[in-house]
Amino acid sequence: MFALTFAGLLCSSCRTKTAYAPYPNYAGAPQQFPANNKVEEELDDCEKESMQMEGDLLRAYGSAIDHDRDFARQSAAANARAQMASDIEALVTNIFKNYRSTTTKDATSTSSADRQQDITSIAEQVISRTTIICSKRYRLPDGRYECAVCIGMVQSAEEAVENAVLSEDKKLGVRFDAEQFRKSYKEELERYRQNKAGQL
C-alpha cells in the first residue's frame, strides 16, 4: 500500500512538471490588427503620357534600372517597344476576328501561320516608326539609374491592317467589305482605348 501511494505521489509530481502555455484571454484583451502600411503609388509622368492616345496612334510605356545611365534608358525604350508590339498584335488580331466573323461563313478559313506573319509584319512596321514622347531619369540611393520612357506611333496603322485584311480576303475568295472593316477597326480601337483608360 505504501508503495502504491509513493508511486502515485511520484506520478502526480511528474504531471506537474509539464508546463503548458496559457491560452490567451480573448474576452478582456483589446482587439489588435496588423498595421496597414500600404501606400498608394502614383503613375509617373511618362506612364500618364502612355495612357493618352491621339486618334488611333497608340502609345506604350517602359522602364528599366541599371548602373549605366544610358543603358537604363535604352532598356526602358526597348521595353516600351516590346509592349507596343504586343499591344499592336493583340489589337490587329481582334480586328481580324471581328471583321472575319461578319464577312465569311464558318467553314471559310485561312492559314493561321500566314495571318500571324501579316500581324507580326504590321507590328514591326509600327515599331520602326515610333518616337519618344516622354523620358524621365531618376538617381536611386544605391547609385543606379531608373529610366522611364513613353513612345508613340507617328503614323496610323489602319492602311497596313486594311492591306493585310484585303490580302486575306483574296486568298479566301471573298469580297472585301470596306465599311465592315472600318467598323471593326473602330470598335476594337475603342475597346483598346477603354482598357487603357481603366489602367489609370
N, C-alpha and C. Protein backbone atom coordinates (compact mmCIF):
# COMPACT_ATOMS: atom_id res chain seq x y z
N MET A 1 0.84 -1.21 0.00
CA MET A 1 0.00 0.00 0.00
C MET A 1 0.86 1.24 0.00
N PHE A 2 1.90 1.20 0.83
CA PHE A 2 2.84 2.34 0.88
C PHE A 2 3.49 2.57 -0.47
N ALA A 3 3.83 1.42 -1.15
CA ALA A 3 4.48 1.52 -2.46
C ALA A 3 3.56 2.16 -3.48
N LEU A 4 2.26 1.81 -3.48
CA LEU A 4 1.30 2.38 -4.43
C LEU A 4 1.11 3.87 -4.18
N THR A 5 1.04 4.24 -2.87
CA THR A 5 0.89 5.66 -2.54
C THR A 5 2.10 6.45 -2.97
N PHE A 6 3.27 5.89 -2.77
CA PHE A 6 4.52 6.57 -3.16
C PHE A 6 4.58 6.74 -4.68
N ALA A 7 4.18 5.67 -5.41
CA ALA A 7 4.17 5.74 -6.88
C ALA A 7 3.20 6.79 -7.36
N GLY A 8 2.04 6.88 -6.66
CA GLY A 8 1.05 7.89 -7.04
C GLY A 8 1.56 9.28 -6.83
N LEU A 9 2.27 9.49 -5.74
CA LEU A 9 2.86 10.82 -5.49
C LEU A 9 3.90 11.17 -6.55
N LEU A 10 4.69 10.13 -6.91
CA LEU A 10 5.72 10.37 -7.95
C LEU A 10 5.06 10.75 -9.27
N CYS A 11 4.00 10.04 -9.62
CA CYS A 11 3.34 10.32 -10.91
C CYS A 11 2.69 11.69 -10.91
N SER A 12 2.07 12.06 -9.79
CA SER A 12 1.45 13.37 -9.74
C SER A 12 2.49 14.46 -9.80
N SER A 13 3.67 14.22 -9.20
CA SER A 13 4.74 15.23 -9.29
C SER A 13 5.28 15.30 -10.70
N CYS A 14 5.27 14.12 -11.39
CA CYS A 14 5.70 14.13 -12.80
C CYS A 14 4.75 14.98 -13.63
N ARG A 15 3.45 14.84 -13.37
CA ARG A 15 2.48 15.58 -14.16
C ARG A 15 2.62 17.07 -13.96
N THR A 16 2.94 17.51 -12.77
CA THR A 16 3.02 18.94 -12.51
C THR A 16 4.27 19.58 -13.10
N LYS A 17 5.24 18.77 -13.55
CA LYS A 17 6.47 19.32 -14.13
C LYS A 17 6.25 19.80 -15.57
N THR A 18 5.23 19.29 -16.26
CA THR A 18 4.96 19.69 -17.64
C THR A 18 4.31 21.07 -17.66
N ALA A 19 4.97 22.05 -18.30
CA ALA A 19 4.45 23.42 -18.34
C ALA A 19 3.74 23.66 -19.67
N TYR A 20 2.52 24.12 -19.61
CA TYR A 20 1.74 24.43 -20.81
C TYR A 20 1.57 25.94 -20.93
N ALA A 21 1.62 26.42 -22.14
CA ALA A 21 1.41 27.86 -22.35
C ALA A 21 -0.04 28.19 -22.07
N PRO A 22 -0.28 29.26 -21.36
CA PRO A 22 -1.67 29.62 -21.06
C PRO A 22 -2.40 30.10 -22.31
N TYR A 23 -3.69 29.81 -22.39
CA TYR A 23 -4.50 30.31 -23.50
C TYR A 23 -4.66 31.81 -23.35
N PRO A 24 -4.64 32.54 -24.42
CA PRO A 24 -4.83 34.00 -24.29
C PRO A 24 -6.23 34.34 -23.81
N ASN A 25 -6.32 35.40 -23.08
CA ASN A 25 -7.61 35.85 -22.55
C ASN A 25 -8.29 36.74 -23.60
N TYR A 26 -9.04 36.09 -24.51
CA TYR A 26 -9.66 36.85 -25.60
C TYR A 26 -10.77 37.77 -25.10
N ALA A 27 -11.42 37.39 -24.00
CA ALA A 27 -12.59 38.15 -23.55
C ALA A 27 -12.22 39.57 -23.16
N GLY A 28 -11.12 39.69 -22.40
CA GLY A 28 -10.78 41.03 -21.92
C GLY A 28 -9.71 41.73 -22.72
N ALA A 29 -9.07 41.02 -23.66
CA ALA A 29 -7.95 41.61 -24.40
C ALA A 29 -8.47 42.53 -25.50
N PRO A 30 -7.81 43.67 -25.69
CA PRO A 30 -8.23 44.56 -26.77
C PRO A 30 -7.91 43.95 -28.13
N GLN A 31 -8.74 44.24 -29.14
CA GLN A 31 -8.52 43.73 -30.49
C GLN A 31 -7.29 44.40 -31.09
N GLN A 32 -6.37 43.59 -31.61
CA GLN A 32 -5.16 44.13 -32.23
C GLN A 32 -5.07 43.60 -33.66
N PHE A 33 -4.87 44.52 -34.60
CA PHE A 33 -4.75 44.15 -36.00
C PHE A 33 -3.39 44.62 -36.52
N PRO A 34 -2.84 43.91 -37.49
CA PRO A 34 -1.56 44.38 -38.04
C PRO A 34 -1.69 45.76 -38.65
N ALA A 35 -0.63 46.54 -38.53
CA ALA A 35 -0.66 47.91 -39.05
C ALA A 35 -0.81 47.89 -40.57
N ASN A 36 -1.61 48.80 -41.10
CA ASN A 36 -1.80 48.93 -42.54
C ASN A 36 -0.79 49.93 -43.08
N ASN A 37 0.26 49.39 -43.69
CA ASN A 37 1.34 50.25 -44.18
C ASN A 37 1.29 50.44 -45.69
N LYS A 38 0.12 50.18 -46.30
CA LYS A 38 0.01 50.33 -47.75
C LYS A 38 0.11 51.79 -48.15
N VAL A 39 0.85 52.02 -49.21
CA VAL A 39 0.98 53.37 -49.75
C VAL A 39 0.60 53.31 -51.22
N GLU A 40 -0.38 54.09 -51.60
CA GLU A 40 -0.82 54.11 -52.99
C GLU A 40 0.24 54.78 -53.85
N GLU A 41 0.62 54.10 -54.92
CA GLU A 41 1.63 54.64 -55.83
C GLU A 41 0.97 55.42 -56.95
N GLU A 42 1.59 56.51 -57.31
CA GLU A 42 1.09 57.33 -58.41
C GLU A 42 1.87 57.00 -59.68
N LEU A 43 1.20 57.14 -60.81
CA LEU A 43 1.88 56.95 -62.09
C LEU A 43 2.86 58.09 -62.32
N ASP A 44 4.02 57.77 -62.88
CA ASP A 44 4.95 58.85 -63.21
C ASP A 44 4.48 59.53 -64.50
N ASP A 45 5.12 60.64 -64.83
CA ASP A 45 4.67 61.46 -65.97
C ASP A 45 4.64 60.67 -67.28
N CYS A 46 5.66 59.84 -67.50
CA CYS A 46 5.72 59.10 -68.76
C CYS A 46 4.63 58.04 -68.84
N GLU A 47 4.33 57.41 -67.71
CA GLU A 47 3.27 56.40 -67.71
C GLU A 47 1.91 57.07 -67.97
N LYS A 48 1.71 58.26 -67.42
CA LYS A 48 0.48 59.00 -67.69
C LYS A 48 0.38 59.35 -69.17
N GLU A 49 1.50 59.76 -69.75
CA GLU A 49 1.51 60.09 -71.18
C GLU A 49 1.15 58.88 -72.04
N SER A 50 1.57 57.70 -71.60
CA SER A 50 1.30 56.50 -72.40
C SER A 50 -0.18 56.15 -72.44
N MET A 51 -0.95 56.71 -71.50
CA MET A 51 -2.39 56.44 -71.47
C MET A 51 -3.18 57.40 -72.36
N GLN A 52 -2.52 58.45 -72.83
CA GLN A 52 -3.21 59.48 -73.62
C GLN A 52 -3.01 59.21 -75.11
N MET A 53 -4.01 58.63 -75.74
CA MET A 53 -3.93 58.34 -77.17
C MET A 53 -4.47 59.50 -78.00
N GLU A 54 -3.86 59.72 -79.14
CA GLU A 54 -4.37 60.70 -80.10
C GLU A 54 -4.89 59.93 -81.30
N GLY A 55 -6.21 59.90 -81.45
CA GLY A 55 -6.78 59.14 -82.56
C GLY A 55 -6.46 57.66 -82.41
N ASP A 56 -5.88 57.07 -83.46
CA ASP A 56 -5.51 55.66 -83.38
C ASP A 56 -3.99 55.49 -83.26
N LEU A 57 -3.32 56.52 -82.79
CA LEU A 57 -1.87 56.44 -82.60
C LEU A 57 -1.59 55.92 -81.19
N LEU A 58 -1.25 54.66 -81.11
CA LEU A 58 -1.02 54.01 -79.83
C LEU A 58 0.26 54.51 -79.16
N ARG A 59 0.27 54.40 -77.83
CA ARG A 59 1.45 54.72 -77.05
C ARG A 59 1.77 53.56 -76.13
N ALA A 60 3.02 53.51 -75.67
CA ALA A 60 3.42 52.43 -74.76
C ALA A 60 4.47 52.95 -73.79
N TYR A 61 4.54 52.28 -72.64
CA TYR A 61 5.42 52.71 -71.55
C TYR A 61 6.42 51.61 -71.21
N GLY A 62 7.62 52.01 -70.85
CA GLY A 62 8.62 51.05 -70.41
C GLY A 62 9.56 51.69 -69.41
N SER A 63 10.10 50.88 -68.52
CA SER A 63 11.06 51.39 -67.53
C SER A 63 12.16 50.37 -67.33
N ALA A 64 13.28 50.83 -66.80
CA ALA A 64 14.43 49.94 -66.56
C ALA A 64 15.35 50.58 -65.54
N ILE A 65 16.09 49.74 -64.84
CA ILE A 65 17.05 50.19 -63.82
C ILE A 65 18.40 49.59 -64.13
N ASP A 66 19.44 50.41 -64.08
CA ASP A 66 20.79 49.90 -64.34
C ASP A 66 21.81 50.87 -63.76
N HIS A 67 23.03 50.37 -63.54
CA HIS A 67 24.11 51.25 -63.05
C HIS A 67 24.57 52.20 -64.16
N ASP A 68 24.39 51.78 -65.42
CA ASP A 68 24.77 52.61 -66.56
C ASP A 68 23.55 53.44 -66.98
N ARG A 69 23.68 54.73 -66.92
CA ARG A 69 22.55 55.63 -67.20
C ARG A 69 22.01 55.46 -68.61
N ASP A 70 22.89 55.44 -69.60
CA ASP A 70 22.45 55.33 -70.99
C ASP A 70 21.83 53.96 -71.28
N PHE A 71 22.42 52.93 -70.67
CA PHE A 71 21.87 51.59 -70.90
C PHE A 71 20.48 51.46 -70.28
N ALA A 72 20.27 52.11 -69.14
CA ALA A 72 18.95 52.09 -68.49
C ALA A 72 17.91 52.72 -69.42
N ARG A 73 18.28 53.82 -70.05
CA ARG A 73 17.34 54.49 -70.96
C ARG A 73 17.07 53.64 -72.19
N GLN A 74 18.13 53.05 -72.75
CA GLN A 74 17.95 52.18 -73.92
C GLN A 74 17.07 50.99 -73.59
N SER A 75 17.27 50.42 -72.40
CA SER A 75 16.47 49.27 -71.98
C SER A 75 15.01 49.67 -71.77
N ALA A 76 14.80 50.85 -71.21
CA ALA A 76 13.43 51.34 -71.00
C ALA A 76 12.72 51.51 -72.33
N ALA A 77 13.43 52.08 -73.32
CA ALA A 77 12.84 52.26 -74.65
C ALA A 77 12.56 50.91 -75.32
N ALA A 78 13.47 49.95 -75.12
CA ALA A 78 13.27 48.61 -75.69
C ALA A 78 12.06 47.94 -75.06
N ASN A 79 11.89 48.12 -73.76
CA ASN A 79 10.73 47.54 -73.07
C ASN A 79 9.43 48.18 -73.57
N ALA A 80 9.47 49.49 -73.82
CA ALA A 80 8.29 50.18 -74.34
C ALA A 80 7.95 49.67 -75.74
N ARG A 81 8.96 49.48 -76.57
CA ARG A 81 8.71 48.96 -77.93
C ARG A 81 8.15 47.54 -77.89
N ALA A 82 8.66 46.74 -76.97
CA ALA A 82 8.14 45.37 -76.83
C ALA A 82 6.67 45.40 -76.40
N GLN A 83 6.34 46.32 -75.50
CA GLN A 83 4.96 46.45 -75.05
C GLN A 83 4.06 46.90 -76.19
N MET A 84 4.54 47.84 -77.00
CA MET A 84 3.74 48.31 -78.13
C MET A 84 3.55 47.19 -79.15
N ALA A 85 4.58 46.41 -79.40
CA ALA A 85 4.45 45.30 -80.35
C ALA A 85 3.38 44.32 -79.88
N SER A 86 3.39 44.04 -78.57
CA SER A 86 2.39 43.14 -78.01
C SER A 86 0.98 43.72 -78.14
N ASP A 87 0.85 45.03 -77.86
CA ASP A 87 -0.45 45.70 -77.98
C ASP A 87 -0.95 45.70 -79.41
N ILE A 88 -0.05 46.00 -80.35
CA ILE A 88 -0.42 46.04 -81.77
C ILE A 88 -0.89 44.67 -82.24
N GLU A 89 -0.15 43.63 -81.88
CA GLU A 89 -0.50 42.28 -82.32
C GLU A 89 -1.87 41.87 -81.77
N ALA A 90 -2.12 42.20 -80.49
CA ALA A 90 -3.42 41.87 -79.90
C ALA A 90 -4.54 42.65 -80.57
N LEU A 91 -4.30 43.94 -80.82
CA LEU A 91 -5.31 44.78 -81.44
C LEU A 91 -5.64 44.29 -82.85
N VAL A 92 -4.62 44.04 -83.65
CA VAL A 92 -4.83 43.62 -85.04
C VAL A 92 -5.49 42.24 -85.09
N THR A 93 -5.10 41.35 -84.18
CA THR A 93 -5.73 40.03 -84.11
C THR A 93 -7.22 40.16 -83.86
N ASN A 94 -7.58 41.04 -82.96
CA ASN A 94 -9.00 41.25 -82.64
C ASN A 94 -9.75 41.91 -83.79
N ILE A 95 -9.08 42.79 -84.51
CA ILE A 95 -9.71 43.41 -85.69
C ILE A 95 -10.02 42.33 -86.73
N PHE A 96 -9.06 41.45 -86.97
CA PHE A 96 -9.27 40.34 -87.91
C PHE A 96 -10.47 39.50 -87.48
N LYS A 97 -10.50 39.13 -86.21
CA LYS A 97 -11.58 38.28 -85.71
C LYS A 97 -12.93 38.97 -85.84
N ASN A 98 -12.98 40.23 -85.47
CA ASN A 98 -14.22 41.00 -85.54
C ASN A 98 -14.70 41.09 -86.99
N TYR A 99 -13.81 41.48 -87.86
CA TYR A 99 -14.16 41.64 -89.27
C TYR A 99 -14.53 40.30 -89.91
N ARG A 100 -13.72 39.28 -89.63
CA ARG A 100 -13.93 37.99 -90.27
C ARG A 100 -15.23 37.32 -89.83
N SER A 101 -15.67 37.60 -88.60
CA SER A 101 -16.89 36.97 -88.10
C SER A 101 -18.13 37.41 -88.86
N THR A 102 -18.04 38.51 -89.58
CA THR A 102 -19.21 39.02 -90.31
C THR A 102 -19.07 38.95 -91.82
N THR A 103 -17.90 38.53 -92.29
CA THR A 103 -17.69 38.55 -93.74
C THR A 103 -17.50 37.18 -94.37
N THR A 104 -17.36 36.13 -93.55
CA THR A 104 -17.20 34.79 -94.11
C THR A 104 -18.07 33.80 -93.38
N LYS A 105 -18.28 32.67 -94.00
CA LYS A 105 -19.02 31.59 -93.36
C LYS A 105 -18.09 30.84 -92.42
N ASP A 106 -18.69 30.06 -91.53
CA ASP A 106 -17.91 29.33 -90.53
C ASP A 106 -16.88 28.40 -91.17
N ALA A 107 -17.23 27.86 -92.32
CA ALA A 107 -16.34 26.89 -92.95
C ALA A 107 -15.15 27.55 -93.64
N THR A 108 -15.22 28.85 -93.84
CA THR A 108 -14.16 29.54 -94.55
C THR A 108 -13.05 29.92 -93.59
N SER A 109 -11.83 29.53 -93.93
CA SER A 109 -10.70 29.86 -93.06
C SER A 109 -9.45 30.05 -93.90
N THR A 110 -8.41 30.54 -93.26
CA THR A 110 -7.14 30.72 -93.94
C THR A 110 -6.04 30.24 -93.01
N SER A 111 -4.86 30.16 -93.51
CA SER A 111 -3.73 29.68 -92.72
C SER A 111 -3.46 30.62 -91.55
N SER A 112 -3.47 30.09 -90.34
CA SER A 112 -3.18 30.92 -89.16
C SER A 112 -1.74 31.39 -89.19
N ALA A 113 -0.86 30.60 -89.79
CA ALA A 113 0.55 30.99 -89.89
C ALA A 113 0.70 32.21 -90.79
N ASP A 114 -0.03 32.21 -91.92
CA ASP A 114 0.01 33.36 -92.83
C ASP A 114 -0.51 34.61 -92.15
N ARG A 115 -1.62 34.46 -91.43
CA ARG A 115 -2.20 35.61 -90.75
C ARG A 115 -1.24 36.14 -89.69
N GLN A 116 -0.65 35.24 -88.91
CA GLN A 116 0.28 35.66 -87.87
C GLN A 116 1.48 36.37 -88.46
N GLN A 117 1.92 35.92 -89.62
CA GLN A 117 3.04 36.58 -90.30
C GLN A 117 2.66 38.00 -90.69
N ASP A 118 1.43 38.17 -91.18
CA ASP A 118 0.96 39.52 -91.53
C ASP A 118 0.89 40.41 -90.30
N ILE A 119 0.37 39.87 -89.19
CA ILE A 119 0.22 40.64 -87.96
C ILE A 119 1.58 41.04 -87.40
N THR A 120 2.51 40.10 -87.42
CA THR A 120 3.87 40.39 -86.94
C THR A 120 4.53 41.46 -87.80
N SER A 121 4.31 41.37 -89.11
CA SER A 121 4.87 42.36 -90.03
C SER A 121 4.32 43.76 -89.75
N ILE A 122 3.02 43.84 -89.47
CA ILE A 122 2.41 45.13 -89.14
C ILE A 122 3.02 45.70 -87.87
N ALA A 123 3.19 44.85 -86.87
CA ALA A 123 3.78 45.30 -85.60
C ALA A 123 5.20 45.82 -85.82
N GLU A 124 5.95 45.13 -86.66
CA GLU A 124 7.33 45.56 -86.94
C GLU A 124 7.35 46.91 -87.65
N GLN A 125 6.41 47.11 -88.58
CA GLN A 125 6.31 48.39 -89.28
C GLN A 125 6.02 49.52 -88.30
N VAL A 126 5.10 49.26 -87.39
CA VAL A 126 4.72 50.28 -86.40
C VAL A 126 5.91 50.62 -85.52
N ILE A 127 6.60 49.60 -85.01
CA ILE A 127 7.73 49.81 -84.10
C ILE A 127 8.84 50.60 -84.76
N SER A 128 9.02 50.39 -86.06
CA SER A 128 10.10 51.09 -86.76
C SER A 128 9.81 52.58 -86.94
N ARG A 129 8.55 52.98 -86.69
CA ARG A 129 8.18 54.38 -86.89
C ARG A 129 7.63 54.99 -85.59
N THR A 130 8.25 54.67 -84.49
CA THR A 130 7.82 55.27 -83.22
C THR A 130 8.78 56.39 -82.81
N THR A 131 8.30 57.23 -81.92
CA THR A 131 9.14 58.31 -81.40
C THR A 131 8.98 58.37 -79.89
N ILE A 132 10.01 58.87 -79.21
CA ILE A 132 9.95 59.00 -77.77
C ILE A 132 9.20 60.29 -77.42
N ILE A 133 8.10 60.13 -76.69
CA ILE A 133 7.26 61.27 -76.30
C ILE A 133 7.68 61.82 -74.95
N CYS A 134 8.09 60.93 -74.05
CA CYS A 134 8.45 61.34 -72.70
C CYS A 134 9.60 60.48 -72.20
N SER A 135 10.54 61.09 -71.50
CA SER A 135 11.66 60.35 -70.94
C SER A 135 12.02 60.96 -69.58
N LYS A 136 12.06 60.12 -68.56
CA LYS A 136 12.41 60.58 -67.21
C LYS A 136 13.53 59.71 -66.66
N ARG A 137 14.43 60.36 -65.90
CA ARG A 137 15.54 59.60 -65.31
C ARG A 137 15.65 59.94 -63.83
N TYR A 138 15.85 58.92 -63.01
CA TYR A 138 15.95 59.11 -61.57
C TYR A 138 17.23 58.45 -61.04
N ARG A 139 17.88 59.12 -60.12
CA ARG A 139 19.05 58.54 -59.46
C ARG A 139 18.59 57.87 -58.16
N LEU A 140 18.89 56.58 -58.02
CA LEU A 140 18.46 55.82 -56.86
C LEU A 140 19.51 55.89 -55.75
N PRO A 141 19.11 55.65 -54.50
CA PRO A 141 20.05 55.74 -53.36
C PRO A 141 21.27 54.83 -53.49
N ASP A 142 21.12 53.69 -54.19
CA ASP A 142 22.26 52.77 -54.32
C ASP A 142 23.17 53.11 -55.50
N GLY A 143 22.92 54.26 -56.15
CA GLY A 143 23.78 54.69 -57.24
C GLY A 143 23.32 54.28 -58.62
N ARG A 144 22.29 53.46 -58.70
CA ARG A 144 21.77 53.06 -60.00
C ARG A 144 20.84 54.13 -60.56
N TYR A 145 20.50 53.97 -61.83
CA TYR A 145 19.60 54.90 -62.51
C TYR A 145 18.31 54.16 -62.89
N GLU A 146 17.20 54.82 -62.70
CA GLU A 146 15.92 54.30 -63.17
C GLU A 146 15.42 55.22 -64.27
N CYS A 147 15.13 54.65 -65.42
CA CYS A 147 14.63 55.44 -66.55
C CYS A 147 13.23 54.98 -66.94
N ALA A 148 12.39 55.93 -67.25
CA ALA A 148 11.03 55.66 -67.71
C ALA A 148 10.84 56.34 -69.06
N VAL A 149 10.20 55.63 -69.98
CA VAL A 149 10.05 56.14 -71.35
C VAL A 149 8.64 55.88 -71.85
N CYS A 150 8.09 56.84 -72.56
CA CYS A 150 6.83 56.65 -73.27
C CYS A 150 7.11 56.84 -74.75
N ILE A 151 6.72 55.87 -75.57
CA ILE A 151 6.88 56.01 -77.01
C ILE A 151 5.50 56.08 -77.66
N GLY A 152 5.44 56.65 -78.86
CA GLY A 152 4.18 56.77 -79.56
C GLY A 152 4.33 56.52 -81.04
N MET A 153 3.26 56.06 -81.66
CA MET A 153 3.25 55.87 -83.11
C MET A 153 3.23 57.24 -83.78
N VAL A 154 3.88 57.34 -84.93
CA VAL A 154 3.88 58.60 -85.67
C VAL A 154 2.99 58.52 -86.91
N GLN A 155 2.49 57.31 -87.18
CA GLN A 155 1.65 57.12 -88.36
C GLN A 155 0.61 56.05 -88.08
N SER A 156 -0.61 56.25 -88.54
CA SER A 156 -1.68 55.29 -88.33
C SER A 156 -1.34 53.94 -88.98
N ALA A 157 -1.76 52.87 -88.32
CA ALA A 157 -1.54 51.53 -88.86
C ALA A 157 -2.75 51.04 -89.65
N GLU A 158 -3.77 51.88 -89.78
CA GLU A 158 -5.01 51.43 -90.41
C GLU A 158 -4.79 50.93 -91.83
N GLU A 159 -3.99 51.65 -92.61
CA GLU A 159 -3.77 51.24 -94.00
C GLU A 159 -3.07 49.89 -94.06
N ALA A 160 -2.08 49.69 -93.19
CA ALA A 160 -1.35 48.41 -93.18
C ALA A 160 -2.27 47.26 -92.79
N VAL A 161 -3.15 47.50 -91.81
CA VAL A 161 -4.10 46.47 -91.38
C VAL A 161 -5.10 46.18 -92.50
N GLU A 162 -5.56 47.24 -93.14
CA GLU A 162 -6.52 47.07 -94.23
C GLU A 162 -5.91 46.25 -95.37
N ASN A 163 -4.66 46.52 -95.71
CA ASN A 163 -3.99 45.78 -96.78
C ASN A 163 -3.86 44.30 -96.43
N ALA A 164 -3.58 44.03 -95.14
CA ALA A 164 -3.45 42.64 -94.70
C ALA A 164 -4.80 41.92 -94.78
N VAL A 165 -5.86 42.60 -94.38
CA VAL A 165 -7.21 42.02 -94.44
C VAL A 165 -7.61 41.81 -95.90
N LEU A 166 -7.32 42.80 -96.75
CA LEU A 166 -7.64 42.70 -98.17
C LEU A 166 -6.92 41.52 -98.81
N SER A 167 -5.64 41.33 -98.43
CA SER A 167 -4.86 40.22 -98.96
C SER A 167 -5.45 38.88 -98.54
N GLU A 168 -5.91 38.81 -97.27
CA GLU A 168 -6.51 37.57 -96.80
C GLU A 168 -7.84 37.31 -97.50
N ASP A 169 -8.59 38.36 -97.75
CA ASP A 169 -9.87 38.20 -98.47
C ASP A 169 -9.65 37.59 -99.84
N LYS A 170 -8.58 38.02 -100.51
CA LYS A 170 -8.28 37.48 -101.84
C LYS A 170 -7.97 35.99 -101.75
N LYS A 171 -7.22 35.62 -100.71
CA LYS A 171 -6.88 34.20 -100.53
C LYS A 171 -8.13 33.37 -100.25
N LEU A 172 -9.07 33.97 -99.51
CA LEU A 172 -10.30 33.27 -99.16
C LEU A 172 -11.33 33.30 -100.28
N GLY A 173 -11.11 34.19 -101.24
CA GLY A 173 -12.06 34.32 -102.33
C GLY A 173 -13.34 35.01 -101.92
N VAL A 174 -13.23 35.96 -100.97
CA VAL A 174 -14.41 36.72 -100.53
C VAL A 174 -14.22 38.19 -100.89
N ARG A 175 -15.34 38.88 -100.97
CA ARG A 175 -15.29 40.30 -101.33
C ARG A 175 -14.90 41.13 -100.11
N PHE A 176 -13.95 42.03 -100.30
CA PHE A 176 -13.53 42.91 -99.20
C PHE A 176 -14.64 43.90 -98.89
N ASP A 177 -15.03 43.98 -97.63
CA ASP A 177 -16.10 44.87 -97.20
C ASP A 177 -15.46 46.04 -96.45
N ALA A 178 -15.23 47.13 -97.17
CA ALA A 178 -14.53 48.28 -96.60
C ALA A 178 -15.29 48.87 -95.41
N GLU A 179 -16.60 48.94 -95.54
CA GLU A 179 -17.41 49.53 -94.46
C GLU A 179 -17.31 48.69 -93.18
N GLN A 180 -17.42 47.37 -93.35
CA GLN A 180 -17.34 46.48 -92.18
C GLN A 180 -15.94 46.51 -91.57
N PHE A 181 -14.93 46.64 -92.42
CA PHE A 181 -13.56 46.72 -91.90
C PHE A 181 -13.39 47.95 -91.03
N ARG A 182 -13.85 49.12 -91.53
CA ARG A 182 -13.71 50.35 -90.75
C ARG A 182 -14.48 50.26 -89.43
N LYS A 183 -15.64 49.61 -89.47
CA LYS A 183 -16.44 49.41 -88.26
C LYS A 183 -15.67 48.54 -87.26
N SER A 184 -15.11 47.45 -87.75
CA SER A 184 -14.34 46.55 -86.88
C SER A 184 -13.12 47.25 -86.31
N TYR A 185 -12.47 48.04 -87.14
CA TYR A 185 -11.27 48.77 -86.70
C TYR A 185 -11.62 49.74 -85.58
N LYS A 186 -12.68 50.50 -85.77
CA LYS A 186 -13.08 51.49 -84.76
C LYS A 186 -13.54 50.83 -83.46
N GLU A 187 -14.27 49.73 -83.58
CA GLU A 187 -14.77 49.04 -82.39
C GLU A 187 -13.62 48.50 -81.55
N GLU A 188 -12.66 47.88 -82.20
CA GLU A 188 -11.54 47.31 -81.45
C GLU A 188 -10.63 48.39 -80.89
N LEU A 189 -10.50 49.48 -81.63
CA LEU A 189 -9.69 50.59 -81.14
C LEU A 189 -10.32 51.21 -79.90
N GLU A 190 -11.64 51.35 -79.93
CA GLU A 190 -12.35 51.90 -78.77
C GLU A 190 -12.25 50.96 -77.57
N ARG A 191 -12.32 49.68 -77.82
CA ARG A 191 -12.17 48.71 -76.73
C ARG A 191 -10.77 48.80 -76.14
N TYR A 192 -9.78 48.95 -76.99
CA TYR A 192 -8.40 49.09 -76.53
C TYR A 192 -8.24 50.38 -75.71
N ARG A 193 -8.85 51.47 -76.21
CA ARG A 193 -8.75 52.76 -75.51
C ARG A 193 -9.39 52.68 -74.12
N GLN A 194 -10.54 52.03 -74.03
CA GLN A 194 -11.22 51.90 -72.74
C GLN A 194 -10.39 51.05 -71.77
N ASN A 195 -9.75 50.03 -72.31
CA ASN A 195 -8.90 49.18 -71.50
C ASN A 195 -7.72 49.97 -70.93
N LYS A 196 -7.16 50.84 -71.75
CA LYS A 196 -6.06 51.71 -71.32
C LYS A 196 -6.52 52.66 -70.24
N ALA A 197 -7.70 53.26 -70.47
CA ALA A 197 -8.23 54.23 -69.51
C ALA A 197 -8.49 53.56 -68.17
N GLY A 198 -8.86 52.29 -68.19
CA GLY A 198 -9.13 51.57 -66.97
C GLY A 198 -7.89 51.31 -66.13
N GLN A 199 -6.71 51.48 -66.73
CA GLN A 199 -5.45 51.27 -66.01
C GLN A 199 -5.03 52.51 -65.22
N LEU A 200 -5.70 53.63 -65.45
CA LEU A 200 -5.34 54.88 -64.74
C LEU A 200 -5.73 54.79 -63.27
